[in-house]
PDB file of N, CA and C in Angstrom:
ATOM      1  N   MET A   1       0.990  -1.147   0.040  1.00  0.00           N
ATOM      2  CA  MET A   1       0.093  -0.186   0.020  1.00  0.00           C
ATOM      3  C   MET A   1       1.065   1.224  -0.074  1.00  0.00           C
ATOM      4  N   LEU A   2       0.845   2.172  -0.908  1.00  0.00           N
ATOM      5  CA  LEU A   2       1.263   3.133  -0.898  1.00  0.00           C
ATOM      6  C   LEU A   2       0.109   4.624  -0.815  1.00  0.00           C
ATOM      7  N   THR A   3       0.320   5.477  -0.127  1.00  0.00           N
ATOM      8  CA  THR A   3      -0.556   6.344   0.373  1.00  0.00           C
ATOM      9  C   THR A   3       0.114   8.078   0.268  1.00  0.00           C
ATOM     10  N   VAL A   4      -0.275   8.928  -0.802  1.00  0.00           N
ATOM     11  CA  VAL A   4       0.271  10.050  -1.041  1.00  0.00           C
ATOM     12  C   VAL A   4      -0.639  11.027  -0.870  1.00  0.00           C
ATOM     13  N   THR A   5      -0.385  12.124  -0.157  1.00  0.00           N
ATOM     14  CA  THR A   5      -1.189  13.306   0.330  1.00  0.00           C
ATOM     15  C   THR A   5      -0.703  14.601   0.018  1.00  0.00           C
ATOM     16  N   ASN A   6      -1.715  15.208  -0.731  1.00  0.00           N
ATOM     17  CA  ASN A   6      -1.177  16.752  -1.014  1.00  0.00           C
ATOM     18  C   ASN A   6      -1.937  17.852  -0.298  1.00  0.00           C
ATOM     19  N   THR A   7      -1.595  19.004  -0.476  1.00  0.00           N
ATOM     20  CA  THR A   7      -2.548  20.073   0.213  1.00  0.00           C
ATOM     21  C   THR A   7      -2.848  20.901  -1.279  1.00  0.00           C
ATOM     22  N   GLY A   8      -3.706  21.774  -1.122  1.00  0.00           N
ATOM     23  CA  GLY A   8      -4.410  22.606  -2.326  1.00  0.00           C
ATOM     24  C   GLY A   8      -5.609  22.969  -1.951  1.00  0.00           C
ATOM     25  N   PRO A   9      -6.654  23.718  -2.815  1.00  0.00           N
ATOM     26  CA  PRO A   9      -7.959  24.077  -2.750  1.00  0.00           C
ATOM     27  C   PRO A   9      -8.991  22.834  -2.496  1.00  0.00           C
ATOM     28  N   PRO A  10      -9.825  23.093  -1.890  1.00  0.00           N
ATOM     29  CA  PRO A  10     -10.889  21.928  -1.639  1.00  0.00           C
ATOM     30  C   PRO A  10     -11.327  21.717  -3.006  1.00  0.00           C
ATOM     31  N   LEU A  11     -11.525  20.398  -2.943  1.00  0.00           N
ATOM     32  CA  LEU A  11     -12.166  19.792  -4.472  1.00  0.00           C
ATOM     33  C   LEU A  11     -13.468  19.603  -4.663  1.00  0.00           C
ATOM     34  N   SER A  12     -14.216  20.110  -5.333  1.00  0.00           N
ATOM     35  CA  SER A  12     -15.471  19.911  -5.418  1.00  0.00           C
ATOM     36  C   SER A  12     -15.897  18.887  -6.718  1.00  0.00           C
ATOM     37  N   GLY A  13     -16.996  18.332  -6.504  1.00  0.00           N
ATOM     38  CA  GLY A  13     -17.522  17.225  -7.395  1.00  0.00           C
ATOM     39  C   GLY A  13     -16.738  15.668  -7.049  1.00  0.00           C
ATOM     40  N   THR A  14     -17.162  14.668  -8.112  1.00  0.00           N
ATOM     41  CA  THR A  14     -16.465  13.780  -7.521  1.00  0.00           C
ATOM     42  C   THR A  14     -14.920  13.607  -8.061  1.00  0.00           C
ATOM     43  N   VAL A  15     -14.078  13.092  -6.944  1.00  0.00           N
ATOM     44  CA  VAL A  15     -12.709  13.200  -7.237  1.00  0.00           C
ATOM     45  C   VAL A  15     -12.183  11.940  -8.463  1.00  0.00           C
ATOM     46  N   ASP A  16     -13.165  10.883  -8.528  1.00  0.00           N
ATOM     47  CA  ASP A  16     -12.842   9.928  -9.305  1.00  0.00           C
ATOM     48  C   ASP A  16     -12.553  10.200 -10.663  1.00  0.00           C
ATOM     49  N   ARG A  17     -13.434  11.490 -11.297  1.00  0.00           N
ATOM     50  CA  ARG A  17     -12.899  12.049 -12.657  1.00  0.00           C
ATOM     51  C   ARG A  17     -11.389  12.545 -12.753  1.00  0.00           C
ATOM     52  N   LEU A  18     -10.878  12.730 -11.657  1.00  0.00           N
ATOM     53  CA  LEU A  18      -9.310  13.329 -11.917  1.00  0.00           C
ATOM     54  C   LEU A  18      -8.436  12.456 -12.519  1.00  0.00           C
ATOM     55  N   THR A  19      -8.988  10.935 -12.829  1.00  0.00           N
ATOM     56  CA  THR A  19      -8.100  10.173 -13.658  1.00  0.00           C
ATOM     57  C   THR A  19      -8.231  10.393 -15.033  1.00  0.00           C
ATOM     58  N   GLU A  20      -9.133  11.164 -15.422  1.00  0.00           N
ATOM     59  CA  GLU A  20      -9.338  11.674 -16.955  1.00  0.00           C
ATOM     60  C   GLU A  20      -8.434  11.973 -17.399  1.00  0.00           C
ATOM     61  N   PRO A  21      -7.776  11.706 -18.833  1.00  0.00           N
ATOM     62  CA  PRO A  21      -6.903  12.580 -19.180  1.00  0.00           C
ATOM     63  C   PRO A  21      -7.319  14.191 -19.412  1.00  0.00           C
ATOM     64  N   PHE A  22      -6.293  15.024 -18.840  1.00  0.00           N
ATOM     65  CA  PHE A  22      -6.161  16.628 -19.129  1.00  0.00           C
ATOM     66  C   PHE A  22      -7.242  17.230 -18.277  1.00  0.00           C
ATOM     67  N   LEU A  23      -7.690  16.524 -17.258  1.00  0.00           N
ATOM     68  CA  LEU A  23      -8.494  17.084 -16.578  1.00  0.00           C
ATOM     69  C   LEU A  23      -7.967  17.493 -14.945  1.00  0.00           C
ATOM     70  N   ARG A  24      -8.037  18.594 -14.641  1.00  0.00           N
ATOM     71  CA  ARG A  24      -7.298  18.979 -13.358  1.00  0.00           C
ATOM     72  C   ARG A  24      -8.450  19.376 -12.713  1.00  0.00           C
ATOM     73  N   GLY A  25      -8.001  20.002 -11.385  1.00  0.00           N
ATOM     74  CA  GLY A  25      -8.990  19.937 -10.274  1.00  0.00           C
ATOM     75  C   GLY A  25      -9.637  20.967 -10.420  1.00  0.00           C
ATOM     76  N   SER A  26      -9.530  22.218 -11.565  1.00  0.00           N
ATOM     77  CA  SER A  26     -10.433  23.390 -12.033  1.00  0.00           C
ATOM     78  C   SER A  26     -10.965  23.381 -13.154  1.00  0.00           C
ATOM     79  N   GLY A  27     -10.624  22.087 -13.808  1.00  0.00           N
ATOM     80  CA  GLY A  27     -11.688  21.923 -15.322  1.00  0.00           C
ATOM     81  C   GLY A  27     -10.486  21.303 -16.124  1.00  0.00           C
ATOM     82  N   ARG A  28     -10.532  21.814 -17.223  1.00  0.00           N
ATOM     83  CA  ARG A  28      -9.604  21.200 -18.654  1.00  0.00           C
ATOM     84  C   ARG A  28      -8.665  22.271 -18.964  1.00  0.00           C
ATOM     85  N   LEU A  29      -8.831  23.350 -18.127  1.00  0.00           N
ATOM     86  CA  LEU A  29      -7.841  24.405 -18.550  1.00  0.00           C
ATOM     87  C   LEU A  29      -6.629  24.469 -17.499  1.00  0.00           C
ATOM     88  N   ALA A  30      -5.321  24.775 -18.065  1.00  0.00           N
ATOM     89  CA  ALA A  30      -4.227  24.965 -17.306  1.00  0.00           C
ATOM     90  C   ALA A  30      -4.512  26.335 -16.363  1.00  0.00           C
ATOM     91  N   GLU A  31      -3.947  26.398 -15.335  1.00  0.00           N
ATOM     92  CA  GLU A  31      -3.759  27.385 -14.376  1.00  0.00           C
ATOM     93  C   GLU A  31      -3.391  28.698 -15.012  1.00  0.00           C
ATOM     94  N   GLN A  32      -3.896  29.849 -14.568  1.00  0.00           N
ATOM     95  CA  GLN A  32      -3.314  31.175 -15.281  1.00  0.00           C
ATOM     96  C   GLN A  32      -1.998  31.667 -14.799  1.00  0.00           C
ATOM     97  N   ASP A  33      -1.694  30.703 -13.343  1.00  0.00           N
ATOM     98  CA  ASP A  33      -0.526  31.150 -12.800  1.00  0.00           C
ATOM     99  C   ASP A  33       0.446  30.172 -13.243  1.00  0.00           C
ATOM    100  N   PRO A  34       1.728  31.171 -14.042  1.00  0.00           N
ATOM    101  CA  PRO A  34       2.713  30.332 -14.406  1.00  0.00           C
ATOM    102  C   PRO A  34       3.507  29.371 -13.659  1.00  0.00           C
ATOM    103  N   THR A  35       3.586  29.750 -12.299  1.00  0.00           N
ATOM    104  CA  THR A  35       4.265  28.690 -11.575  1.00  0.00           C
ATOM    105  C   THR A  35       3.621  27.567 -10.999  1.00  0.00           C
ATOM    106  N   ARG A  36       2.273  27.559 -11.637  1.00  0.00           N
ATOM    107  CA  ARG A  36       1.661  26.097 -11.070  1.00  0.00           C
ATOM    108  C   ARG A  36       1.309  25.432 -12.783  1.00  0.00           C
ATOM    109  N   ARG A  37       2.016  24.645 -13.210  1.00  0.00           N
ATOM    110  CA  ARG A  37       2.153  23.852 -14.081  1.00  0.00           C
ATOM    111  C   ARG A  37       1.661  22.654 -14.303  1.00  0.00           C
ATOM    112  N   GLY A  38       1.019  22.338 -15.494  1.00  0.00           N
ATOM    113  CA  GLY A  38       1.024  20.791 -15.383  1.00  0.00           C
ATOM    114  C   GLY A  38      -0.235  20.566 -16.373  1.00  0.00           C
ATOM    115  N   HIS A  39      -0.525  19.496 -17.105  1.00  0.00           N
ATOM    116  CA  HIS A  39      -1.773  19.245 -18.222  1.00  0.00           C
ATOM    117  C   HIS A  39      -2.578  17.973 -17.636  1.00  0.00           C
ATOM    118  N   GLY A  40      -2.545  17.594 -16.422  1.00  0.00           N
ATOM    119  CA  GLY A  40      -3.794  16.951 -15.990  1.00  0.00           C
ATOM    120  C   GLY A  40      -3.539  15.517 -16.433  1.00  0.00           C
ATOM    121  N   LEU A  41      -2.351  15.081 -16.530  1.00  0.00           N
ATOM    122  CA  LEU A  41      -1.884  13.534 -16.860  1.00  0.00           C
ATOM    123  C   LEU A  41      -1.454  12.634 -16.120  1.00  0.00           C
ATOM    124  N   GLY A  42      -0.751  13.194 -14.639  1.00  0.00           N
ATOM    125  CA  GLY A  42      -0.192  12.345 -13.612  1.00  0.00           C
ATOM    126  C   GLY A  42      -1.123  11.326 -13.231  1.00  0.00           C
ATOM    127  N   LEU A  43      -2.317  11.634 -13.026  1.00  0.00           N
ATOM    128  CA  LEU A  43      -3.098  10.481 -12.221  1.00  0.00           C
ATOM    129  C   LEU A  43      -3.728   9.635 -13.250  1.00  0.00           C
ATOM    130  N   THR A  44      -3.839  10.061 -14.558  1.00  0.00           N
ATOM    131  CA  THR A  44      -4.331   9.102 -15.759  1.00  0.00           C
ATOM    132  C   THR A  44      -3.098   8.095 -15.888  1.00  0.00           C
ATOM    133  N   ILE A  45      -1.700   8.577 -15.753  1.00  0.00           N
ATOM    134  CA  ILE A  45      -0.611   7.744 -16.000  1.00  0.00           C
ATOM    135  C   ILE A  45      -0.519   6.692 -14.732  1.00  0.00           C
ATOM    136  N   ALA A  46      -0.778   7.357 -13.627  1.00  0.00           N
ATOM    137  CA  ALA A  46      -0.713   6.456 -12.505  1.00  0.00           C
ATOM    138  C   ALA A  46      -1.568   5.389 -12.443  1.00  0.00           C
ATOM    139  N   VAL A  47      -3.037   5.443 -12.966  1.00  0.00           N
ATOM    140  CA  VAL A  47      -4.088   4.553 -13.101  1.00  0.00           C
ATOM    141  C   VAL A  47      -3.931   3.703 -13.854  1.00  0.00           C
ATOM    142  N   GLY A  48      -3.564   3.820 -15.232  1.00  0.00           N
ATOM    143  CA  GLY A  48      -2.880   3.076 -15.955  1.00  0.00           C
ATOM    144  C   GLY A  48      -1.787   1.681 -15.702  1.00  0.00           C
ATOM    145  N   ILE A  49      -0.885   2.657 -15.029  1.00  0.00           N
ATOM    146  CA  ILE A  49       0.327   1.552 -14.270  1.00  0.00           C
ATOM    147  C   ILE A  49      -0.572   0.579 -13.188  1.00  0.00           C
ATOM    148  N   VAL A  50      -1.382   1.127 -12.271  1.00  0.00           N
ATOM    149  CA  VAL A  50      -1.773   0.409 -11.148  1.00  0.00           C
ATOM    150  C   VAL A  50      -2.660  -0.819 -11.923  1.00  0.00           C
ATOM    151  N   ARG A  51      -3.501  -0.480 -12.842  1.00  0.00           N
ATOM    152  CA  ARG A  51      -4.481  -1.181 -13.474  1.00  0.00           C
ATOM    153  C   ARG A  51      -3.474  -2.304 -14.263  1.00  0.00           C
ATOM    154  N   ALA A  52      -2.376  -1.994 -14.989  1.00  0.00           N
ATOM    155  CA  ALA A  52      -1.600  -2.978 -15.600  1.00  0.00           C
ATOM    156  C   ALA A  52      -0.898  -3.909 -14.404  1.00  0.00           C
ATOM    157  N   HIS A  53      -0.623  -3.625 -13.410  1.00  0.00           N
ATOM    158  CA  HIS A  53      -0.476  -4.758 -12.265  1.00  0.00           C
ATOM    159  C   HIS A  53      -1.233  -4.948 -11.435  1.00  0.00           C
ATOM    160  N   HIS A  54      -2.408  -4.967 -11.791  1.00  0.00           N
ATOM    161  CA  HIS A  54      -3.962  -5.547 -11.230  1.00  0.00           C
ATOM    162  C   HIS A  54      -3.986  -4.931  -9.866  1.00  0.00           C
ATOM    163  N   GLY A  55      -3.968  -3.894  -9.742  1.00  0.00           N
ATOM    164  CA  GLY A  55      -3.958  -3.058  -8.054  1.00  0.00           C
ATOM    165  C   GLY A  55      -5.006  -2.285  -8.256  1.00  0.00           C
ATOM    166  N   ASP A  56      -5.007  -1.381  -7.266  1.00  0.00           N
ATOM    167  CA  ASP A  56      -6.409  -0.553  -7.318  1.00  0.00           C
ATOM    168  C   ASP A  56      -5.780   0.615  -6.915  1.00  0.00           C
ATOM    169  N   LEU A  57      -6.460   2.135  -7.416  1.00  0.00           N
ATOM    170  CA  LEU A  57      -6.053   3.324  -6.848  1.00  0.00           C
ATOM    171  C   LEU A  57      -7.564   3.613  -6.458  1.00  0.00           C
ATOM    172  N   ALA A  58      -7.288   4.392  -5.287  1.00  0.00           N
ATOM    173  CA  ALA A  58      -8.447   5.409  -4.730  1.00  0.00           C
ATOM    174  C   ALA A  58      -8.176   6.652  -4.395  1.00  0.00           C
ATOM    175  N   LEU A  59      -9.143   7.622  -4.766  1.00  0.00           N
ATOM    176  CA  LEU A  59      -8.786   9.054  -4.634  1.00  0.00           C
ATOM    177  C   LEU A  59      -9.501   9.585  -3.557  1.00  0.00           C
ATOM    178  N   THR A  60      -9.521  10.438  -2.525  1.00  0.00           N
ATOM    179  CA  THR A  60     -10.120  10.810  -1.585  1.00  0.00           C
ATOM    180  C   THR A  60      -9.788  12.293  -1.355  1.00  0.00           C
ATOM    181  N   ALA A  61     -10.903  13.204  -1.493  1.00  0.00           N
ATOM    182  CA  ALA A  61     -10.655  14.433  -1.187  1.00  0.00           C
ATOM    183  C   ALA A  61     -10.320  14.703   0.330  1.00  0.00           C
ATOM    184  N   ASN A  62      -9.324  15.791   0.457  1.00  0.00           N
ATOM    185  CA  ASN A  62      -9.087  16.048   2.167  1.00  0.00           C
ATOM    186  C   ASN A  62     -10.096  17.148   2.445  1.00  0.00           C
ATOM    187  N   PRO A  63     -10.497  16.996   3.584  1.00  0.00           N
ATOM    188  CA  PRO A  63     -11.725  17.684   3.994  1.00  0.00           C
ATOM    189  C   PRO A  63     -10.945  19.406   3.720  1.00  0.00           C
ATOM    190  N   GLY A  64      -9.636  19.684   4.360  1.00  0.00           N
ATOM    191  CA  GLY A  64      -8.861  21.031   4.119  1.00  0.00           C
ATOM    192  C   GLY A  64      -8.818  21.495   2.756  1.00  0.00           C
ATOM    193  N   GLY A  65      -9.027  20.319   2.014  1.00  0.00           N
ATOM    194  CA  GLY A  65      -8.158  20.862   0.824  1.00  0.00           C
ATOM    195  C   GLY A  65      -7.113  19.748   0.319  1.00  0.00           C
ATOM    196  N   GLY A  66      -6.882  19.381  -0.855  1.00  0.00           N
ATOM    197  CA  GLY A  66      -5.938  18.857  -1.464  1.00  0.00           C
ATOM    198  C   GLY A  66      -6.530  17.320  -1.671  1.00  0.00           C
ATOM    199  N   LEU A  67      -5.831  16.300  -2.061  1.00  0.00           N
ATOM    200  CA  LEU A  67      -6.011  15.079  -2.425  1.00  0.00           C
ATOM    201  C   LEU A  67      -5.269  13.908  -1.767  1.00  0.00           C
ATOM    202  N   THR A  68      -5.777  12.861  -1.336  1.00  0.00           N
ATOM    203  CA  THR A  68      -5.290  11.755  -0.969  1.00  0.00           C
ATOM    204  C   THR A  68      -5.217  10.526  -1.825  1.00  0.00           C
ATOM    205  N   VAL A  69      -4.214  10.099  -2.344  1.00  0.00           N
ATOM    206  CA  VAL A  69      -4.344   8.883  -3.041  1.00  0.00           C
ATOM    207  C   VAL A  69      -3.391   7.613  -2.657  1.00  0.00           C
ATOM    208  N   GLN A  70      -4.279   6.521  -2.602  1.00  0.00           N
ATOM    209  CA  GLN A  70      -4.070   5.330  -2.182  1.00  0.00           C
ATOM    210  C   GLN A  70      -3.911   4.275  -3.502  1.00  0.00           C
ATOM    211  N   VAL A  71      -2.660   3.684  -3.296  1.00  0.00           N
ATOM    212  CA  VAL A  71      -2.495   2.724  -4.388  1.00  0.00           C
ATOM    213  C   VAL A  71      -2.239   1.372  -3.727  1.00  0.00           C
ATOM    214  N   SER A  72      -3.127   0.297  -4.063  1.00  0.00           N
ATOM    215  CA  SER A  72      -2.587  -0.958  -3.623  1.00  0.00           C
ATOM    216  C   SER A  72      -2.411  -1.906  -4.574  1.00  0.00           C
ATOM    217  N   LEU A  73      -1.164  -2.834  -4.459  1.00  0.00           N
ATOM    218  CA  LEU A  73      -0.876  -3.451  -5.667  1.00  0.00           C
ATOM    219  C   LEU A  73      -0.781  -5.126  -4.899  1.00  0.00           C
ATOM    220  N   PRO A  74      -0.908  -6.275  -5.574  1.00  0.00           N
ATOM    221  CA  PRO A  74      -1.191  -7.392  -5.140  1.00  0.00           C
ATOM    222  C   PRO A  74       0.097  -7.660  -4.900  1.00  0.00           C
ATOM    223  N   GLY A  75       0.688  -8.517  -3.986  1.00  0.00           N
ATOM    224  CA  GLY A  75       1.660  -9.473  -3.357  1.00  0.00           C
ATOM    225  C   GLY A  75       2.119 -10.156  -4.186  1.00  0.00           C
ATOM    226  N   ALA A  76       3.641 -10.571  -4.319  1.00  0.00           N
ATOM    227  CA  ALA A  76       4.241 -11.279  -5.493  1.00  0.00           C
ATOM    228  C   ALA A  76       3.559 -12.785  -4.978  1.00  0.00           C
ATOM    229  N   ALA A  77       3.528 -13.834  -5.520  1.00  0.00           N
ATOM    230  CA  ALA A  77       3.317 -15.197  -5.488  1.00  0.00           C
ATOM    231  C   ALA A  77       4.183 -16.255  -5.347  1.00  0.00           C
TER     232      ALA A  77
END
């Protein structure tokens, strides 16, 4: 099990949609702030890797803002 938690603004709506390509917390547009870069592919790539290894990825919005991602992979047989 791997858990990653970050901070940020509160997320509205379902966080499960954040694994869709090019979707960011604020929608499909990049932030106007040039110091906050990205294109919304990180979670899409992560879910692809986890599924390829027959694992599970769970997203949870943190009450104060940000996101917690839990990845679980099956043990070696």
